[in-house]
């Protein structure tokens, strides 16, 4: 069985360093034998979560599309920007909408039985490390098994080759190892 992994970055910026790292992760997952689906959250605009809006109009169409993508995959590889020592508003909003109950379907359905790898990229020295702590807590609250391994790419503004690959072989190997671990655990959970 091929493990299906959903890959995305918590950034809408076209030139996002986190999107670049998400592309590296998707390639590493494919090299590790997974079927990696790379999506851009900018392609799924959803309003800020608002309980009154939800009560009035239900789940937005793009939130339902994202929820369906989560459900269709055994694992998640999430690359998170760090905003003020936490996750981006876009990422938090996405995770919140996907976790909403839809009809009789529990909001936890998209997260049940999932395993996730987390990573971050930043021009700063820590590579988004502080935000990863918050992302881990959010995902664990949603009952996602988050790998203990993670990857934080510091000085990311200088880390990529023109073709999008990482310049540093050790960093590339670390992403590959994280991707391989995610595929291994995803395969075991799916067995």
C-alpha atoms as a PDB file:
ATOM      1  CA  UNK A   1       0.000   0.000   0.000  1.00  0.00           C
ATOM      2  CA  UNK A   2       1.325   3.424  -0.971  1.00  0.00           C
ATOM      3  CA  UNK A   3       1.066   5.930   1.864  1.00  0.00           C
ATOM      4  CA  UNK A   4      -0.713   9.142   0.868  1.00  0.00           C
ATOM      5  CA  UNK A   5       0.682  12.315   2.430  1.00  0.00           C
ATOM      6  CA  UNK A   6      -0.848  15.781   2.175  1.00  0.00           C
ATOM      7  CA  UNK A   7       1.835  18.486   2.070  1.00  0.00           C
ATOM      8  CA  UNK A   8       1.254  22.202   2.549  1.00  0.00           C
ATOM      9  CA  UNK A   9       2.772  25.358   3.965  1.00  0.00           C
ATOM     10  CA  UNK A  10       0.952  27.745   6.262  1.00  0.00           C
ATOM     11  CA  UNK A  11       1.705  30.705   4.023  1.00  0.00           C
ATOM     12  CA  UNK A  12      -0.135  32.332   1.132  1.00  0.00           C
ATOM     13  CA  UNK A  13       2.865  34.322  -0.136  1.00  0.00           C
ATOM     14  CA  UNK A  14       3.871  33.355  -3.681  1.00  0.00           C
ATOM     15  CA  UNK A  15       7.594  33.469  -2.834  1.00  0.00           C
ATOM     16  CA  UNK A  16       7.219  31.938   0.639  1.00  0.00           C
ATOM     17  CA  UNK A  17      10.295  30.215   2.035  1.00  0.00           C
ATOM     18  CA  UNK A  18       7.949  27.719   3.676  1.00  0.00           C
ATOM     19  CA  UNK A  19       6.365  26.874   0.313  1.00  0.00           C
ATOM     20  CA  UNK A  20       9.860  26.252  -1.046  1.00  0.00           C
ATOM     21  CA  UNK A  21      10.540  23.891   1.847  1.00  0.00           C
ATOM     22  CA  UNK A  22       7.162  22.185   1.307  1.00  0.00           C
ATOM     23  CA  UNK A  23       8.191  21.449  -2.300  1.00  0.00           C
ATOM     24  CA  UNK A  24      11.463  19.938  -1.029  1.00  0.00           C
ATOM     25  CA  UNK A  25       9.470  17.827   1.446  1.00  0.00           C
ATOM     26  CA  UNK A  26       7.048  16.627  -1.251  1.00  0.00           C
ATOM     27  CA  UNK A  27       9.967  15.511  -3.432  1.00  0.00           C
ATOM     28  CA  UNK A  28      11.561  13.728  -0.451  1.00  0.00           C
ATOM     29  CA  UNK A  29       8.285  11.961   0.328  1.00  0.00           C
ATOM     30  CA  UNK A  30       7.980  10.753  -3.270  1.00  0.00           C
ATOM     31  CA  UNK A  31      11.593   9.528  -3.146  1.00  0.00           C
ATOM     32  CA  UNK A  32      10.658   7.634   0.049  1.00  0.00           C
ATOM     33  CA  UNK A  33       7.832   5.856  -1.790  1.00  0.00           C
ATOM     34  CA  UNK A  34       4.841   7.968  -0.752  1.00  0.00           C
ATOM     35  CA  UNK A  35       2.170   9.535  -2.881  1.00  0.00           C
ATOM     36  CA  UNK A  36       2.589  13.209  -1.945  1.00  0.00           C
ATOM     37  CA  UNK A  37      -0.144  15.724  -2.713  1.00  0.00           C
ATOM     38  CA  UNK A  38       1.254  19.259  -2.519  1.00  0.00           C
ATOM     39  CA  UNK A  39      -1.400  21.949  -2.115  1.00  0.00           C
ATOM     40  CA  UNK A  40      -1.197  25.713  -1.826  1.00  0.00           C
ATOM     41  CA  UNK A  41      -3.541  27.180   0.788  1.00  0.00           C
ATOM     42  CA  UNK A  42      -3.786  30.312  -1.398  1.00  0.00           C
ATOM     43  CA  UNK A  43      -5.862  28.150  -3.767  1.00  0.00           C
ATOM     44  CA  UNK A  44      -8.410  27.528  -0.973  1.00  0.00           C
ATOM     45  CA  UNK A  45      -9.390  30.947   0.380  1.00  0.00           C
ATOM     46  CA  UNK A  46     -11.663  30.719   3.414  1.00  0.00           C
ATOM     47  CA  UNK A  47     -12.937  33.449   5.733  1.00  0.00           C
ATOM     48  CA  UNK A  48     -11.652  33.853   9.251  1.00  0.00           C
ATOM     49  CA  UNK A  49     -13.396  31.368  11.498  1.00  0.00           C
ATOM     50  CA  UNK A  50     -16.596  32.887  12.874  1.00  0.00           C
ATOM     51  CA  UNK A  51     -19.140  30.785  14.754  1.00  0.00           C
ATOM     52  CA  UNK A  52     -22.006  33.031  13.634  1.00  0.00           C
ATOM     53  CA  UNK A  53     -20.954  32.677   9.989  1.00  0.00           C
ATOM     54  CA  UNK A  54     -20.734  28.906  10.443  1.00  0.00           C
ATOM     55  CA  UNK A  55     -24.205  28.773  12.044  1.00  0.00           C
ATOM     56  CA  UNK A  56     -25.669  30.904   9.273  1.00  0.00           C
ATOM     57  CA  UNK A  57     -23.934  29.438   6.201  1.00  0.00           C
ATOM     58  CA  UNK A  58     -22.316  26.178   7.286  1.00  0.00           C
ATOM     59  CA  UNK A  59     -18.856  25.062   6.280  1.00  0.00           C
ATOM     60  CA  UNK A  60     -17.353  27.174   3.464  1.00  0.00           C
ATOM     61  CA  UNK A  61     -16.861  25.250   0.197  1.00  0.00           C
ATOM     62  CA  UNK A  62     -13.059  25.542   0.294  1.00  0.00           C
ATOM     63  CA  UNK A  63     -12.960  24.367   3.899  1.00  0.00           C
ATOM     64  CA  UNK A  64     -14.934  21.276   2.804  1.00  0.00           C
ATOM     65  CA  UNK A  65     -12.462  20.685  -0.042  1.00  0.00           C
ATOM     66  CA  UNK A  66      -9.566  20.873   2.403  1.00  0.00           C
ATOM     67  CA  UNK A  67     -11.395  18.623   4.855  1.00  0.00           C
ATOM     68  CA  UNK A  68     -11.854  16.053   2.064  1.00  0.00           C
ATOM     69  CA  UNK A  69      -8.137  16.252   1.241  1.00  0.00           C
ATOM     70  CA  UNK A  70      -7.223  15.655   4.893  1.00  0.00           C
ATOM     71  CA  UNK A  71      -9.571  12.649   5.049  1.00  0.00           C
ATOM     72  CA  UNK A  72      -8.141  11.151   1.834  1.00  0.00           C
ATOM     73  CA  UNK A  73      -4.568  11.077   3.154  1.00  0.00           C
ATOM     74  CA  UNK A  74      -2.938   8.955   5.872  1.00  0.00           C
ATOM     75  CA  UNK A  75      -0.464  11.643   6.862  1.00  0.00           C
ATOM     76  CA  UNK A  76       0.356  15.329   6.842  1.00  0.00           C
ATOM     77  CA  UNK A  77       3.614  17.158   6.238  1.00  0.00           C
ATOM     78  CA  UNK A  78       3.052  20.726   7.400  1.00  0.00           C
ATOM     79  CA  UNK A  79       5.604  23.479   6.903  1.00  0.00           C
ATOM     80  CA  UNK A  80       4.802  26.386   9.187  1.00  0.00           C
ATOM     81  CA  UNK A  81       5.956  29.977   9.138  1.00  0.00           C
ATOM     82  CA  UNK A  82       6.566  31.528  12.525  1.00  0.00           C
ATOM     83  CA  UNK A  83       4.594  34.683  13.270  1.00  0.00           C
ATOM     84  CA  UNK A  84       5.244  36.279  16.650  1.00  0.00           C
ATOM     85  CA  UNK A  85       6.602  33.001  18.054  1.00  0.00           C
ATOM     86  CA  UNK A  86       3.545  31.011  16.925  1.00  0.00           C
ATOM     87  CA  UNK A  87       1.894  29.615  13.798  1.00  0.00           C
ATOM     88  CA  UNK A  88       0.563  31.851  11.052  1.00  0.00           C
ATOM     89  CA  UNK A  89      -3.037  33.042  11.173  1.00  0.00           C
ATOM     90  CA  UNK A  90      -3.629  31.278   7.830  1.00  0.00           C
ATOM     91  CA  UNK A  91      -2.470  27.930   9.187  1.00  0.00           C
ATOM     92  CA  UNK A  92      -4.451  28.223  12.428  1.00  0.00           C
ATOM     93  CA  UNK A  93      -7.579  29.288  10.522  1.00  0.00           C
ATOM     94  CA  UNK A  94      -7.214  26.340   8.141  1.00  0.00           C
ATOM     95  CA  UNK A  95      -6.805  23.817  10.957  1.00  0.00           C
ATOM     96  CA  UNK A  96      -9.760  25.366  12.810  1.00  0.00           C
ATOM     97  CA  UNK A  97     -12.144  25.236   9.833  1.00  0.00           C
ATOM     98  CA  UNK A  98     -11.111  21.675   8.933  1.00  0.00           C
ATOM     99  CA  UNK A  99     -11.864  20.650  12.533  1.00  0.00           C
ATOM    100  CA  UNK A 100     -15.469  21.879  12.462  1.00  0.00           C
ATOM    101  CA  UNK A 101     -18.313  19.390  12.618  1.00  0.00           C
ATOM    102  CA  UNK A 102     -20.045  19.037   9.256  1.00  0.00           C
ATOM    103  CA  UNK A 103     -23.539  17.637   9.570  1.00  0.00           C
ATOM    104  CA  UNK A 104     -23.221  14.448  11.587  1.00  0.00           C
ATOM    105  CA  UNK A 105     -19.494  14.121  10.797  1.00  0.00           C
ATOM    106  CA  UNK A 106     -17.291  14.890  13.801  1.00  0.00           C
ATOM    107  CA  UNK A 107     -14.727  17.613  13.346  1.00  0.00           C
ATOM    108  CA  UNK A 108     -12.060  15.136  14.415  1.00  0.00           C
ATOM    109  CA  UNK A 109     -12.658  12.846  11.403  1.00  0.00           C
ATOM    110  CA  UNK A 110     -10.061  14.608   9.199  1.00  0.00           C
ATOM    111  CA  UNK A 111      -7.446  14.156  11.934  1.00  0.00           C
ATOM    112  CA  UNK A 112      -8.241  10.665  13.273  1.00  0.00           C
ATOM    113  CA  UNK A 113      -5.518   8.099  12.708  1.00  0.00           C
ATOM    114  CA  UNK A 114      -3.242  10.666  11.095  1.00  0.00           C
ATOM    115  CA  UNK A 115       0.469  11.063  11.570  1.00  0.00           C
ATOM    116  CA  UNK A 116       2.198  14.365  10.885  1.00  0.00           C
ATOM    117  CA  UNK A 117       5.670  15.687  10.312  1.00  0.00           C
ATOM    118  CA  UNK A 118       6.262  19.360  10.988  1.00  0.00           C
ATOM    119  CA  UNK A 119       8.891  21.747   9.695  1.00  0.00           C
ATOM    120  CA  UNK A 120       9.478  25.449   9.444  1.00  0.00           C
ATOM    121  CA  UNK A 121      11.619  27.908   7.526  1.00  0.00           C
ATOM    122  CA  UNK A 122      12.638  31.420   8.481  1.00  0.00           C
ATOM    123  CA  UNK A 123      15.286  33.946   7.552  1.00  0.00           C
ATOM    124  CA  UNK A 124      16.061  34.054  11.284  1.00  0.00           C
ATOM    125  CA  UNK A 125      18.520  31.816  13.039  1.00  0.00           C
ATOM    126  CA  UNK A 126      15.943  29.507  14.686  1.00  0.00           C
ATOM    127  CA  UNK A 127      14.115  28.558  11.494  1.00  0.00           C
ATOM    128  CA  UNK A 128      10.637  28.946  12.937  1.00  0.00           C
ATOM    129  CA  UNK A 129      11.354  26.613  15.831  1.00  0.00           C
ATOM    130  CA  UNK A 130       9.185  28.483  18.372  1.00  0.00           C
ATOM    131  CA  UNK A 131       6.118  28.216  16.125  1.00  0.00           C
ATOM    132  CA  UNK A 132       6.602  24.471  15.736  1.00  0.00           C
ATOM    133  CA  UNK A 133       5.973  24.019  19.462  1.00  0.00           C
ATOM    134  CA  UNK A 134       2.542  25.606  19.036  1.00  0.00           C
ATOM    135  CA  UNK A 135       1.794  23.623  15.878  1.00  0.00           C
ATOM    136  CA  UNK A 136       2.653  20.390  17.683  1.00  0.00           C
ATOM    137  CA  UNK A 137       0.270  21.286  20.531  1.00  0.00           C
ATOM    138  CA  UNK A 138      -2.560  22.155  18.121  1.00  0.00           C
ATOM    139  CA  UNK A 139      -2.199  18.912  16.173  1.00  0.00           C
ATOM    140  CA  UNK A 140      -1.950  16.794  19.320  1.00  0.00           C
ATOM    141  CA  UNK A 141      -5.141  18.423  20.629  1.00  0.00           C
ATOM    142  CA  UNK A 142      -6.790  17.284  17.373  1.00  0.00           C
ATOM    143  CA  UNK A 143      -5.500  13.743  18.116  1.00  0.00           C
ATOM    144  CA  UNK A 144      -2.852  13.703  15.393  1.00  0.00           C
ATOM    145  CA  UNK A 145       0.254  11.651  16.132  1.00  0.00           C
ATOM    146  CA  UNK A 146       3.071  14.159  15.577  1.00  0.00           C
ATOM    147  CA  UNK A 147       6.510  12.704  14.969  1.00  0.00           C
ATOM    148  CA  UNK A 148       9.045  13.625  17.626  1.00  0.00           C
ATOM    149  CA  UNK A 149      11.459  14.521  14.840  1.00  0.00           C
ATOM    150  CA  UNK A 150      11.006  17.910  13.175  1.00  0.00           C
ATOM    151  CA  UNK A 151      13.001  20.236  10.926  1.00  0.00           C
ATOM    152  CA  UNK A 152      13.666  23.965  11.351  1.00  0.00           C
ATOM    153  CA  UNK A 153      15.487  25.721   8.509  1.00  0.00           C
ATOM    154  CA  UNK A 154      17.270  28.821   9.759  1.00  0.00           C
ATOM    155  CA  UNK A 155      18.608  31.477   7.376  1.00  0.00           C
ATOM    156  CA  UNK A 156      16.175  30.052   4.822  1.00  0.00           C
ATOM    157  CA  UNK A 157      16.495  33.141   2.653  1.00  0.00           C
ATOM    158  CA  UNK A 158      19.981  31.849   1.761  1.00  0.00           C
ATOM    159  CA  UNK A 159      19.277  28.093   1.852  1.00  0.00           C
ATOM    160  CA  UNK A 160      17.832  27.324  -1.579  1.00  0.00           C
ATOM    161  CA  UNK A 161      19.451  26.766  -4.958  1.00  0.00           C
ATOM    162  CA  UNK A 162      17.832  28.414  -8.008  1.00  0.00           C
ATOM    163  CA  UNK A 163      16.174  25.038  -8.829  1.00  0.00           C
ATOM    164  CA  UNK A 164      14.474  25.003  -5.400  1.00  0.00           C
ATOM    165  CA  UNK A 165      16.657  22.330  -3.815  1.00  0.00           C
ATOM    166  CA  UNK A 166      18.496  22.931  -0.568  1.00  0.00           C
ATOM    167  CA  UNK A 167      22.117  24.036  -0.903  1.00  0.00           C
ATOM    168  CA  UNK A 168      23.284  22.173   2.199  1.00  0.00           C
ATOM    169  CA  UNK A 169      23.497  18.396   1.808  1.00  0.00           C
ATOM    170  CA  UNK A 170      23.023  17.823   5.555  1.00  0.00           C
ATOM    171  CA  UNK A 171      19.807  19.865   5.538  1.00  0.00           C
ATOM    172  CA  UNK A 172      18.561  17.957   2.475  1.00  0.00           C
ATOM    173  CA  UNK A 173      19.378  14.682   4.256  1.00  0.00           C
ATOM    174  CA  UNK A 174      17.471  15.834   7.359  1.00  0.00           C
ATOM    175  CA  UNK A 175      14.341  16.562   5.293  1.00  0.00           C
ATOM    176  CA  UNK A 176      14.726  13.200   3.546  1.00  0.00           C
ATOM    177  CA  UNK A 177      15.056  11.406   6.898  1.00  0.00           C
ATOM    178  CA  UNK A 178      11.942  13.142   8.243  1.00  0.00           C
ATOM    179  CA  UNK A 179      10.018  12.236   5.087  1.00  0.00           C
ATOM    180  CA  UNK A 180      11.149   8.608   5.320  1.00  0.00           C
ATOM    181  CA  UNK A 181      10.111   8.410   8.972  1.00  0.00           C
ATOM    182  CA  UNK A 182       6.682   9.850   8.134  1.00  0.00           C
ATOM    183  CA  UNK A 183       6.183   7.252   5.388  1.00  0.00           C
ATOM    184  CA  UNK A 184       7.286   4.419   7.704  1.00  0.00           C
ATOM    185  CA  UNK A 185       4.945   5.441  10.509  1.00  0.00           C
ATOM    186  CA  UNK A 186       2.114   6.155   8.069  1.00  0.00           C
ATOM    187  CA  UNK A 187       2.503   2.663   6.596  1.00  0.00           C
ATOM    188  CA  UNK A 188       2.409   1.062  10.048  1.00  0.00           C
ATOM    189  CA  UNK A 189      -0.701   3.006  11.065  1.00  0.00           C
ATOM    190  CA  UNK A 190      -2.402   2.098   7.799  1.00  0.00           C
ATOM    191  CA  UNK A 191      -1.618  -1.614   8.115  1.00  0.00           C
END
